[in-house]
Amino acid sequence: MDRRRFLAGAGAMALASPACADDLPVPPSGEIAFKVLRNGSPIGEHHVSFTRSGDDLRVEINVALAVTLAGISVFSYTAQAVECWAGGAFQTLDSHVNHNGTPLEVHAQPIQGGYAIQSTKAGNYNYTDQPPMLPMTYWNKAMLNAMILNVETGRHYPAIVNSPGWNYLPTAEDGKLLAQRFDITGKLHLSLWYDQYNQWAGMEFHVDGDEMFQKYVAS
């Protein structure tokens, strides 16, 4: 997802620490879901589900996007990823992406002082530097303070983050959601929104068009 730009709501820069167990922003419902729009038209959905077992947390991500023109598919994207956490610390990632017909995988396993990465695009390497590494799956705001692991390419990069403030986002249910925006630059060009509970609230990116994530909000 290198060329995409993502959104986050706006305000102060209070970013969570990457490894704090109790600060993981797991929603009470155990699920976050988004409708994805391209230039205002729906092109798919993005779902994140959370399963706790004691101190362990399993996070499953499923994305399916498709763009058609005159009934002909011009872009397709699917992603399935599983993250495992223990005691609030990130442990493993297994990601499988099909980007317009190109299959890509990224796997992360803990090693002393960091993670061993295996990936289709970036190859295999170890990361044992600072800041700690976290996967680019958006639900965890602490990602903004981490070394971000791209779950499609296997590459990693730090974020340069600016927060313009708070604003209201449209939701998938024609409502409004107050959230803080974070604009990310550097190797990444993203914008992300998080609400007052630090839960992922919205996203926008640009790939030959304007894509926006509108959150489904449980009543």
C-alpha atoms as a PDB file:
ATOM      1  CA  MET A   1       0.000   0.000   0.000  1.00  0.00           C
ATOM      2  CA  ASP A   2       2.993   2.278  -0.578  1.00  0.00           C
ATOM      3  CA  ARG A   3       1.304   4.884  -2.782  1.00  0.00           C
ATOM      4  CA  ARG A   4      -1.824   5.251  -0.725  1.00  0.00           C
ATOM      5  CA  ARG A   5      -2.695   8.145   1.480  1.00  0.00           C
ATOM      6  CA  PHE A   6      -4.635   7.522   4.605  1.00  0.00           C
ATOM      7  CA  LEU A   7      -6.635   9.774   6.926  1.00  0.00           C
ATOM      8  CA  ALA A   8      -7.025  10.103  10.693  1.00  0.00           C
ATOM      9  CA  GLY A   9      -9.058  13.023  12.430  1.00  0.00           C
ATOM     10  CA  ALA A  10      -7.312  16.122  13.836  1.00  0.00           C
ATOM     11  CA  GLY A  11      -6.013  17.610  17.145  1.00  0.00           C
ATOM     12  CA  ALA A  12      -3.218  17.078  19.724  1.00  0.00           C
ATOM     13  CA  MET A  13      -0.357  14.655  19.154  1.00  0.00           C
ATOM     14  CA  ALA A  14      -0.853  12.293  22.119  1.00  0.00           C
ATOM     15  CA  LEU A  15       0.281   9.014  20.557  1.00  0.00           C
ATOM     16  CA  ALA A  16       0.232   5.812  22.572  1.00  0.00           C
ATOM     17  CA  SER A  17       3.328   3.786  23.399  1.00  0.00           C
ATOM     18  CA  PRO A  18       3.785   0.789  21.055  1.00  0.00           C
ATOM     19  CA  ALA A  19       3.988  -1.871  23.778  1.00  0.00           C
ATOM     20  CA  CYS A  20       1.438  -0.956  26.469  1.00  0.00           C
ATOM     21  CA  ALA A  21      -0.926  -3.912  27.072  1.00  0.00           C
ATOM     22  CA  ASP A  22      -3.893  -2.135  28.613  1.00  0.00           C
ATOM     23  CA  ASP A  23      -3.765   0.650  26.024  1.00  0.00           C
ATOM     24  CA  LEU A  24      -4.570  -1.579  23.048  1.00  0.00           C
ATOM     25  CA  PRO A  25      -7.676   0.023  21.523  1.00  0.00           C
ATOM     26  CA  VAL A  26      -9.828  -3.101  21.190  1.00  0.00           C
ATOM     27  CA  PRO A  27     -13.486  -2.075  20.677  1.00  0.00           C
ATOM     28  CA  PRO A  28     -16.115  -3.561  23.031  1.00  0.00           C
ATOM     29  CA  SER A  29     -17.898  -5.084  20.020  1.00  0.00           C
ATOM     30  CA  GLY A  30     -14.729  -6.954  18.982  1.00  0.00           C
ATOM     31  CA  GLU A  31     -14.968  -5.637  15.440  1.00  0.00           C
ATOM     32  CA  ILE A  32     -14.216  -2.579  13.309  1.00  0.00           C
ATOM     33  CA  ALA A  33     -15.734  -2.355   9.835  1.00  0.00           C
ATOM     34  CA  PHE A  34     -15.500   0.173   7.015  1.00  0.00           C
ATOM     35  CA  LYS A  35     -17.198   0.814   3.721  1.00  0.00           C
ATOM     36  CA  VAL A  36     -14.612   1.889   1.135  1.00  0.00           C
ATOM     37  CA  LEU A  37     -15.585   4.557  -1.400  1.00  0.00           C
ATOM     38  CA  ARG A  38     -13.785   5.608  -4.558  1.00  0.00           C
ATOM     39  CA  ASN A  39     -14.797   9.059  -5.781  1.00  0.00           C
ATOM     40  CA  GLY A  40     -17.994   8.596  -3.781  1.00  0.00           C
ATOM     41  CA  SER A  41     -18.929   5.136  -5.114  1.00  0.00           C
ATOM     42  CA  PRO A  42     -18.604   1.974  -2.959  1.00  0.00           C
ATOM     43  CA  ILE A  43     -15.835  -0.414  -4.052  1.00  0.00           C
ATOM     44  CA  GLY A  44     -15.604  -2.814  -1.101  1.00  0.00           C
ATOM     45  CA  GLU A  45     -15.167  -3.242   2.636  1.00  0.00           C
ATOM     46  CA  HIS A  46     -12.415  -3.537   5.245  1.00  0.00           C
ATOM     47  CA  HIS A  47     -13.031  -5.585   8.421  1.00  0.00           C
ATOM     48  CA  VAL A  48     -10.926  -6.039  11.563  1.00  0.00           C
ATOM     49  CA  SER A  49     -11.986  -8.566  14.219  1.00  0.00           C
ATOM     50  CA  PHE A  50     -10.477  -9.099  17.688  1.00  0.00           C
ATOM     51  CA  THR A  51     -10.443 -12.283  19.806  1.00  0.00           C
ATOM     52  CA  ARG A  52      -9.049 -12.286  23.350  1.00  0.00           C
ATOM     53  CA  SER A  53      -7.887 -15.342  25.270  1.00  0.00           C
ATOM     54  CA  GLY A  54      -6.431 -14.328  28.610  1.00  0.00           C
ATOM     55  CA  ASP A  55      -3.503 -12.024  27.870  1.00  0.00           C
ATOM     56  CA  ASP A  56      -3.427 -13.095  24.230  1.00  0.00           C
ATOM     57  CA  LEU A  57      -5.065 -11.127  21.426  1.00  0.00           C
ATOM     58  CA  ARG A  58      -5.696 -12.331  17.887  1.00  0.00           C
ATOM     59  CA  VAL A  59      -6.479  -9.697  15.251  1.00  0.00           C
ATOM     60  CA  GLU A  60      -7.874 -10.747  11.877  1.00  0.00           C
ATOM     61  CA  ILE A  61      -7.982  -8.328   8.937  1.00  0.00           C
ATOM     62  CA  ASN A  62     -10.000  -8.918   5.773  1.00  0.00           C
ATOM     63  CA  VAL A  63     -10.123  -6.483   2.855  1.00  0.00           C
ATOM     64  CA  ALA A  64     -11.867  -6.855  -0.495  1.00  0.00           C
ATOM     65  CA  LEU A  65     -11.866  -4.026  -3.071  1.00  0.00           C
ATOM     66  CA  ALA A  66     -12.864  -4.042  -6.731  1.00  0.00           C
ATOM     67  CA  VAL A  67     -13.120  -1.252  -9.299  1.00  0.00           C
ATOM     68  CA  THR A  68     -15.020  -1.814 -12.541  1.00  0.00           C
ATOM     69  CA  LEU A  69     -15.417   0.337 -15.631  1.00  0.00           C
ATOM     70  CA  ALA A  70     -18.287  -0.410 -18.002  1.00  0.00           C
ATOM     71  CA  GLY A  71     -18.649  -3.786 -16.323  1.00  0.00           C
ATOM     72  CA  ILE A  72     -14.958  -4.655 -16.766  1.00  0.00           C
ATOM     73  CA  SER A  73     -12.671  -5.137 -13.774  1.00  0.00           C
ATOM     74  CA  VAL A  74      -9.870  -2.550 -13.811  1.00  0.00           C
ATOM     75  CA  PHE A  75      -8.586  -3.067 -10.265  1.00  0.00           C
ATOM     76  CA  SER A  76      -8.931  -5.738  -7.600  1.00  0.00           C
ATOM     77  CA  TYR A  77      -7.388  -6.008  -4.157  1.00  0.00           C
ATOM     78  CA  THR A  78      -7.840  -8.586  -1.429  1.00  0.00           C
ATOM     79  CA  ALA A  79      -5.935  -8.941   1.826  1.00  0.00           C
ATOM     80  CA  GLN A  80      -6.099 -11.368   4.729  1.00  0.00           C
ATOM     81  CA  ALA A  81      -3.824 -10.867   7.708  1.00  0.00           C
ATOM     82  CA  VAL A  82      -3.573 -12.263  11.228  1.00  0.00           C
ATOM     83  CA  GLU A  83      -1.707 -10.533  14.052  1.00  0.00           C
ATOM     84  CA  CYS A  84      -0.995 -12.196  17.394  1.00  0.00           C
ATOM     85  CA  TRP A  85      -0.268 -10.221  20.572  1.00  0.00           C
ATOM     86  CA  ALA A  86       0.725 -11.445  24.051  1.00  0.00           C
ATOM     87  CA  GLY A  87       0.615  -9.308  27.187  1.00  0.00           C
ATOM     88  CA  GLY A  88       0.076  -6.234  25.009  1.00  0.00           C
ATOM     89  CA  ALA A  89       3.220  -6.866  22.929  1.00  0.00           C
ATOM     90  CA  PHE A  90       3.127  -7.555  19.210  1.00  0.00           C
ATOM     91  CA  GLN A  91       4.265 -11.113  18.450  1.00  0.00           C
ATOM     92  CA  THR A  92       3.547 -12.356  14.923  1.00  0.00           C
ATOM     93  CA  LEU A  93       2.037 -11.347  11.599  1.00  0.00           C
ATOM     94  CA  ASP A  94       0.960 -13.462   8.640  1.00  0.00           C
ATOM     95  CA  SER A  95      -0.320 -11.465   5.681  1.00  0.00           C
ATOM     96  CA  HIS A  96      -1.549 -12.610   2.254  1.00  0.00           C
ATOM     97  CA  VAL A  97      -2.387  -9.964  -0.363  1.00  0.00           C
ATOM     98  CA  ASN A  98      -3.520 -10.183  -3.964  1.00  0.00           C
ATOM     99  CA  HIS A  99      -2.846  -6.802  -5.545  1.00  0.00           C
ATOM    100  CA  ASN A 100      -4.476  -6.746  -8.960  1.00  0.00           C
ATOM    101  CA  GLY A 101      -3.463 -10.339  -9.646  1.00  0.00           C
ATOM    102  CA  THR A 102      -0.034 -10.208  -7.953  1.00  0.00           C
ATOM    103  CA  PRO A 103       0.166 -12.416  -4.833  1.00  0.00           C
ATOM    104  CA  LEU A 104       2.271 -11.047  -1.975  1.00  0.00           C
ATOM    105  CA  GLU A 105       3.041 -12.402   1.493  1.00  0.00           C
ATOM    106  CA  VAL A 106       4.608 -10.940   4.626  1.00  0.00           C
ATOM    107  CA  HIS A 107       5.445 -12.909   7.775  1.00  0.00           C
ATOM    108  CA  ALA A 108       6.926 -11.534  11.014  1.00  0.00           C
ATOM    109  CA  GLN A 109       8.242 -13.645  13.911  1.00  0.00           C
ATOM    110  CA  PRO A 110       9.843 -12.431  17.154  1.00  0.00           C
ATOM    111  CA  ILE A 111      13.589 -12.789  17.631  1.00  0.00           C
ATOM    112  CA  GLN A 112      15.921 -11.438  20.303  1.00  0.00           C
ATOM    113  CA  GLY A 113      15.516  -7.648  20.231  1.00  0.00           C
ATOM    114  CA  GLY A 114      13.144  -7.497  17.293  1.00  0.00           C
ATOM    115  CA  TYR A 115      11.544  -9.443  14.442  1.00  0.00           C
ATOM    116  CA  ALA A 116      12.489 -11.715  11.578  1.00  0.00           C
ATOM    117  CA  ILE A 117      10.668 -10.676   8.406  1.00  0.00           C
ATOM    118  CA  GLN A 118       9.956 -12.895   5.414  1.00  0.00           C
ATOM    119  CA  SER A 119       8.313 -11.245   2.432  1.00  0.00           C
ATOM    120  CA  THR A 120       7.709 -11.736  -1.268  1.00  0.00           C
ATOM    121  CA  LYS A 121       8.737  -8.224  -2.267  1.00  0.00           C
ATOM    122  CA  ALA A 122      11.351  -7.067   0.272  1.00  0.00           C
ATOM    123  CA  GLY A 123      12.961 -10.462   0.848  1.00  0.00           C
ATOM    124  CA  ASN A 124      14.030 -11.797   4.243  1.00  0.00           C
ATOM    125  CA  TYR A 125      15.711  -9.723   6.941  1.00  0.00           C
ATOM    126  CA  ASN A 126      15.890  -9.092  10.692  1.00  0.00           C
ATOM    127  CA  TYR A 127      14.841  -5.842  12.352  1.00  0.00           C
ATOM    128  CA  THR A 128      16.416  -5.221  15.780  1.00  0.00           C
ATOM    129  CA  ASP A 129      16.618  -1.424  15.815  1.00  0.00           C
ATOM    130  CA  GLN A 130      14.583   1.352  17.442  1.00  0.00           C
ATOM    131  CA  PRO A 131      11.798   2.359  17.465  1.00  0.00           C
ATOM    132  CA  PRO A 132      10.021  -0.999  17.916  1.00  0.00           C
ATOM    133  CA  MET A 133       8.279  -2.418  14.861  1.00  0.00           C
ATOM    134  CA  LEU A 134       4.488  -2.586  14.479  1.00  0.00           C
ATOM    135  CA  PRO A 135       2.455  -3.729  11.470  1.00  0.00           C
ATOM    136  CA  MET A 136       0.694  -1.203   9.234  1.00  0.00           C
ATOM    137  CA  THR A 137      -2.829  -2.428   9.973  1.00  0.00           C
ATOM    138  CA  TYR A 138      -4.125   0.974  11.179  1.00  0.00           C
ATOM    139  CA  TRP A 139      -6.279  -0.159  14.123  1.00  0.00           C
ATOM    140  CA  ASN A 140      -3.507   0.503  16.657  1.00  0.00           C
ATOM    141  CA  LYS A 141      -2.703   4.213  16.980  1.00  0.00           C
ATOM    142  CA  ALA A 142       0.679   3.314  18.515  1.00  0.00           C
ATOM    143  CA  MET A 143       1.736   2.459  14.955  1.00  0.00           C
ATOM    144  CA  LEU A 144       2.328   6.188  14.463  1.00  0.00           C
ATOM    145  CA  ASN A 145       5.234   6.088  16.951  1.00  0.00           C
ATOM    146  CA  ALA A 146       6.692   2.808  15.689  1.00  0.00           C
ATOM    147  CA  MET A 147       8.815   1.517  12.854  1.00  0.00           C
ATOM    148  CA  ILE A 148       5.952   0.648  10.510  1.00  0.00           C
ATOM    149  CA  LEU A 149       5.979  -2.721   8.739  1.00  0.00           C
ATOM    150  CA  ASN A 150       4.119  -2.610   5.425  1.00  0.00           C
ATOM    151  CA  VAL A 151       1.975  -5.758   5.425  1.00  0.00           C
ATOM    152  CA  GLU A 152       1.863  -5.843   1.621  1.00  0.00           C
ATOM    153  CA  THR A 153       5.500  -5.221   0.615  1.00  0.00           C
ATOM    154  CA  GLY A 154       7.407  -6.222   3.789  1.00  0.00           C
ATOM    155  CA  ARG A 155       9.299  -2.931   3.750  1.00  0.00           C
ATOM    156  CA  HIS A 156       9.546  -0.767   6.865  1.00  0.00           C
ATOM    157  CA  TYR A 157       9.775   2.938   7.530  1.00  0.00           C
ATOM    158  CA  PRO A 158       9.271   5.518  10.285  1.00  0.00           C
ATOM    159  CA  ALA A 159       6.379   7.959  10.127  1.00  0.00           C
ATOM    160  CA  ILE A 160       6.533  11.747  10.149  1.00  0.00           C
ATOM    161  CA  VAL A 161       3.217  12.691  11.740  1.00  0.00           C
ATOM    162  CA  ASN A 162       1.306  15.947  11.970  1.00  0.00           C
ATOM    163  CA  SER A 163      -2.133  16.372  13.502  1.00  0.00           C
ATOM    164  CA  PRO A 164      -4.228  19.313  12.260  1.00  0.00           C
ATOM    165  CA  GLY A 165      -6.986  18.820  14.871  1.00  0.00           C
ATOM    166  CA  TRP A 166     -10.408  17.258  15.406  1.00  0.00           C
ATOM    167  CA  ASN A 167     -13.280  17.122  12.944  1.00  0.00           C
ATOM    168  CA  TYR A 168     -16.448  15.208  12.148  1.00  0.00           C
ATOM    169  CA  LEU A 169     -16.302  12.309   9.677  1.00  0.00           C
ATOM    170  CA  PRO A 170     -19.230  10.921   7.696  1.00  0.00           C
ATOM    171  CA  THR A 171     -19.997   7.327   8.645  1.00  0.00           C
ATOM    172  CA  ALA A 172     -21.226   4.436   6.503  1.00  0.00           C
ATOM    173  CA  GLU A 173     -24.618   4.804   8.176  1.00  0.00           C
ATOM    174  CA  ASP A 174     -25.053   8.475   7.181  1.00  0.00           C
ATOM    175  CA  GLY A 175     -24.054   9.691  10.619  1.00  0.00           C
ATOM    176  CA  LYS A 176     -21.112  11.695  11.949  1.00  0.00           C
ATOM    177  CA  LEU A 177     -18.135  10.643  14.061  1.00  0.00           C
ATOM    178  CA  LEU A 178     -15.823  13.021  15.937  1.00  0.00           C
ATOM    179  CA  ALA A 179     -12.189  12.024  15.442  1.00  0.00           C
ATOM    180  CA  GLN A 180      -8.642  13.342  15.389  1.00  0.00           C
ATOM    181  CA  ARG A 181      -6.751  13.535  12.115  1.00  0.00           C
ATOM    182  CA  PHE A 182      -3.118  12.490  11.637  1.00  0.00           C
ATOM    183  CA  ASP A 183      -1.315  13.262   8.384  1.00  0.00           C
ATOM    184  CA  ILE A 184       1.661  10.982   7.757  1.00  0.00           C
ATOM    185  CA  THR A 185       4.555  11.882   5.473  1.00  0.00           C
ATOM    186  CA  GLY A 186       8.098  10.672   4.785  1.00  0.00           C
ATOM    187  CA  LYS A 187       8.218   7.320   3.008  1.00  0.00           C
ATOM    188  CA  LEU A 188       4.482   7.086   3.666  1.00  0.00           C
ATOM    189  CA  HIS A 189       1.818   9.532   2.556  1.00  0.00           C
ATOM    190  CA  LEU A 190      -1.208   8.730   4.669  1.00  0.00           C
ATOM    191  CA  SER A 191      -3.936  10.323   6.738  1.00  0.00           C
ATOM    192  CA  LEU A 192      -5.725   8.461   9.551  1.00  0.00           C
ATOM    193  CA  TRP A 193      -8.476   9.352  12.045  1.00  0.00           C
ATOM    194  CA  TYR A 194      -8.804   8.059  15.624  1.00  0.00           C
ATOM    195  CA  ASP A 195     -11.688   8.814  17.985  1.00  0.00           C
ATOM    196  CA  GLN A 196     -11.555   9.883  21.646  1.00  0.00           C
ATOM    197  CA  TYR A 197     -11.091   6.233  22.657  1.00  0.00           C
ATOM    198  CA  ASN A 198      -8.063   5.903  20.339  1.00  0.00           C
ATOM    199  CA  GLN A 199     -10.031   3.582  18.069  1.00  0.00           C
ATOM    200  CA  TRP A 200      -9.509   3.742  14.312  1.00  0.00           C
ATOM    201  CA  ALA A 201     -12.276   5.924  12.879  1.00  0.00           C
ATOM    202  CA  GLY A 202     -11.491   6.670   9.229  1.00  0.00           C
ATOM    203  CA  MET A 203      -9.049   6.583   6.367  1.00  0.00           C
ATOM    204  CA  GLU A 204      -8.540   8.140   2.952  1.00  0.00           C
ATOM    205  CA  PHE A 205      -6.021   7.382   0.207  1.00  0.00           C
ATOM    206  CA  HIS A 206      -5.396   8.181  -3.428  1.00  0.00           C
ATOM    207  CA  VAL A 207      -4.594   5.666  -6.162  1.00  0.00           C
ATOM    208  CA  ASP A 208      -5.743   7.120  -9.498  1.00  0.00           C
ATOM    209  CA  GLY A 209      -8.760   8.453  -7.603  1.00  0.00           C
ATOM    210  CA  ASP A 210      -9.924   9.383  -4.115  1.00  0.00           C
ATOM    211  CA  GLU A 211     -10.662   6.512  -1.738  1.00  0.00           C
ATOM    212  CA  MET A 212     -12.237   7.090   1.658  1.00  0.00           C
ATOM    213  CA  PHE A 213     -13.012   4.652   4.467  1.00  0.00           C
ATOM    214  CA  GLN A 214     -16.344   5.315   6.212  1.00  0.00           C
ATOM    215  CA  LYS A 215     -16.773   3.459   9.483  1.00  0.00           C
ATOM    216  CA  TYR A 216     -19.800   1.355  10.384  1.00  0.00           C
ATOM    217  CA  VAL A 217     -20.724   2.504  13.891  1.00  0.00           C
ATOM    218  CA  ALA A 218     -22.812   0.225  16.132  1.00  0.00           C
ATOM    219  CA  SER A 219     -25.803   2.024  17.612  1.00  0.00           C
END
